[in-house]
N, C-alpha and C. Protein backbone atom coordinates (compact mmCIF):
# COMPACT_ATOMS: atom_id res chain seq x y z
N MET A 1 0.92 -1.22 -0.04
CA MET A 1 -0.02 0.08 0.03
C MET A 1 0.83 1.22 -0.05
N HIS A 2 0.50 2.25 -0.81
CA HIS A 2 1.39 3.45 -0.93
C HIS A 2 1.02 4.34 0.30
N LEU A 3 1.95 5.21 0.59
CA LEU A 3 1.88 6.08 1.69
C LEU A 3 0.73 6.93 1.67
N LYS A 4 0.30 7.44 0.52
CA LYS A 4 -0.85 8.33 0.41
C LYS A 4 -2.11 7.54 0.66
N ASP A 5 -2.25 6.38 0.17
CA ASP A 5 -3.35 5.47 0.47
C ASP A 5 -3.60 5.22 1.95
N TRP A 6 -2.37 4.83 2.51
CA TRP A 6 -2.41 4.34 4.01
C TRP A 6 -2.72 5.50 4.86
N CYS A 7 -2.13 6.67 4.51
CA CYS A 7 -2.46 7.89 5.50
C CYS A 7 -3.90 8.43 5.20
N SER A 8 -4.35 8.34 3.92
CA SER A 8 -5.69 8.66 3.62
C SER A 8 -6.67 7.91 4.40
N LEU A 9 -6.32 6.62 4.43
CA LEU A 9 -7.26 5.58 5.18
C LEU A 9 -7.31 5.85 6.70
N HIS A 10 -6.09 6.37 7.24
CA HIS A 10 -6.08 6.51 8.70
C HIS A 10 -6.35 7.97 9.07
N LEU A 11 -6.15 8.90 8.16
CA LEU A 11 -6.48 10.24 8.55
C LEU A 11 -7.67 10.81 8.07
N GLY A 12 -8.38 10.08 7.01
CA GLY A 12 -9.51 10.57 6.40
C GLY A 12 -9.12 11.35 5.17
N ASN A 13 -9.73 11.02 4.07
CA ASN A 13 -9.33 11.61 2.86
C ASN A 13 -9.42 13.19 2.96
N ALA A 14 -10.38 13.77 3.52
CA ALA A 14 -10.53 15.23 3.63
C ALA A 14 -9.28 15.89 4.31
N SER A 15 -8.58 15.15 5.23
CA SER A 15 -7.38 15.64 5.92
C SER A 15 -6.17 15.72 5.18
N VAL A 16 -6.19 14.92 4.07
CA VAL A 16 -4.81 14.76 3.38
C VAL A 16 -4.92 15.60 2.09
N SER A 17 -4.11 16.64 2.10
CA SER A 17 -3.83 17.55 0.96
C SER A 17 -2.68 16.95 0.09
N SER A 18 -2.72 17.20 -1.17
CA SER A 18 -1.69 16.69 -2.04
C SER A 18 -0.41 17.37 -1.71
N ARG A 19 -0.36 18.58 -1.23
CA ARG A 19 0.62 19.30 -0.76
C ARG A 19 1.49 18.67 0.37
N THR A 20 0.55 18.18 1.31
CA THR A 20 1.12 17.55 2.49
C THR A 20 1.72 16.19 2.15
N ILE A 21 0.98 15.48 1.27
CA ILE A 21 1.60 14.20 0.67
C ILE A 21 2.95 14.52 0.15
N ASP A 22 3.02 15.43 -0.71
CA ASP A 22 4.27 15.79 -1.38
C ASP A 22 5.51 16.09 -0.35
N LEU A 23 5.07 16.79 0.73
CA LEU A 23 6.13 17.07 1.70
C LEU A 23 6.46 15.84 2.40
N ILE A 24 5.49 14.96 2.77
CA ILE A 24 5.73 13.68 3.39
C ILE A 24 6.74 12.80 2.57
N LEU A 25 6.40 12.70 1.23
CA LEU A 25 7.16 11.87 0.41
C LEU A 25 8.59 12.36 0.18
N TYR A 26 8.68 13.79 0.20
CA TYR A 26 10.00 14.36 0.14
C TYR A 26 10.77 14.05 1.32
N GLN A 27 10.20 14.10 2.51
CA GLN A 27 10.89 13.80 3.86
C GLN A 27 11.37 12.35 3.70
N ILE A 28 10.61 11.42 3.15
CA ILE A 28 10.91 9.98 3.06
C ILE A 28 12.26 9.90 2.21
N ARG A 29 12.20 10.52 1.12
CA ARG A 29 13.34 10.47 0.17
C ARG A 29 14.62 11.00 0.65
N GLU A 30 14.35 12.19 1.45
CA GLU A 30 15.51 12.88 1.92
C GLU A 30 16.05 12.35 3.22
N HIS A 31 15.19 11.71 4.09
CA HIS A 31 15.60 11.08 5.32
C HIS A 31 15.17 9.67 5.44
N LYS A 32 16.14 8.78 5.27
CA LYS A 32 15.74 7.33 5.16
C LYS A 32 15.64 6.66 6.53
N ALA A 33 15.54 7.53 7.60
CA ALA A 33 15.68 6.88 8.98
C ALA A 33 14.28 6.42 9.36
N LEU A 34 13.24 6.53 8.64
CA LEU A 34 11.81 6.14 9.05
C LEU A 34 11.74 4.61 8.90
N GLU A 35 11.21 4.01 9.87
CA GLU A 35 11.01 2.52 9.80
C GLU A 35 9.65 2.08 9.28
N SER A 36 8.69 2.95 9.35
CA SER A 36 7.35 2.46 8.91
C SER A 36 6.45 3.66 8.58
N TYR A 37 5.35 3.32 7.82
CA TYR A 37 4.32 4.30 7.44
C TYR A 37 3.75 4.96 8.81
N ASN A 38 3.51 4.18 9.83
CA ASN A 38 3.16 4.55 11.08
C ASN A 38 3.89 5.78 11.69
N GLN A 39 5.35 5.54 11.61
CA GLN A 39 6.22 6.61 12.14
C GLN A 39 6.03 7.88 11.27
N GLN A 40 6.00 7.78 9.87
CA GLN A 40 5.85 8.72 9.05
C GLN A 40 4.60 9.58 9.33
N CYS A 41 3.55 8.95 9.43
CA CYS A 41 2.26 9.71 9.64
C CYS A 41 2.18 10.42 11.03
N ARG A 42 2.93 9.84 11.97
CA ARG A 42 3.04 10.43 13.27
C ARG A 42 3.61 11.88 13.15
N LEU A 43 4.32 12.13 12.11
CA LEU A 43 5.01 13.33 12.10
C LEU A 43 4.04 14.57 11.53
N TRP A 44 2.80 14.07 11.03
CA TRP A 44 1.99 15.04 10.53
C TRP A 44 1.31 15.84 11.68
N PRO A 45 1.37 17.27 11.51
CA PRO A 45 0.75 18.14 12.55
C PRO A 45 -0.63 17.81 13.02
N GLY A 46 -0.82 17.63 14.29
CA GLY A 46 -2.20 17.30 14.73
C GLY A 46 -2.68 15.78 14.63
N TYR A 47 -1.85 15.01 14.17
CA TYR A 47 -2.24 13.62 13.93
C TYR A 47 -1.77 12.74 15.07
N LEU A 48 -2.73 12.11 15.56
CA LEU A 48 -2.53 11.23 16.68
C LEU A 48 -3.07 9.86 16.21
N LEU A 49 -2.03 8.81 16.25
CA LEU A 49 -2.41 7.47 16.01
C LEU A 49 -3.21 6.71 17.02
N ASP A 50 -4.31 6.24 16.64
CA ASP A 50 -5.26 5.49 17.53
C ASP A 50 -4.60 4.19 18.14
N SER A 51 -4.00 3.49 17.22
CA SER A 51 -3.56 2.19 17.62
C SER A 51 -1.93 2.40 18.05
N PRO A 52 -1.53 1.49 18.92
CA PRO A 52 -0.20 1.57 19.45
C PRO A 52 0.93 1.38 18.48
């Protein structure tokens, strides 16, 4: 599953702007330290992951 689809599923489509997606994907390309989509989405402002 692509990051956009995963985050859209967990954040709600209305919450995910293409600009935000672009910034997230840029961060992934520039900073390879992330271990999972979970960690990446946690970086979104105001985003709290429900599951542990």
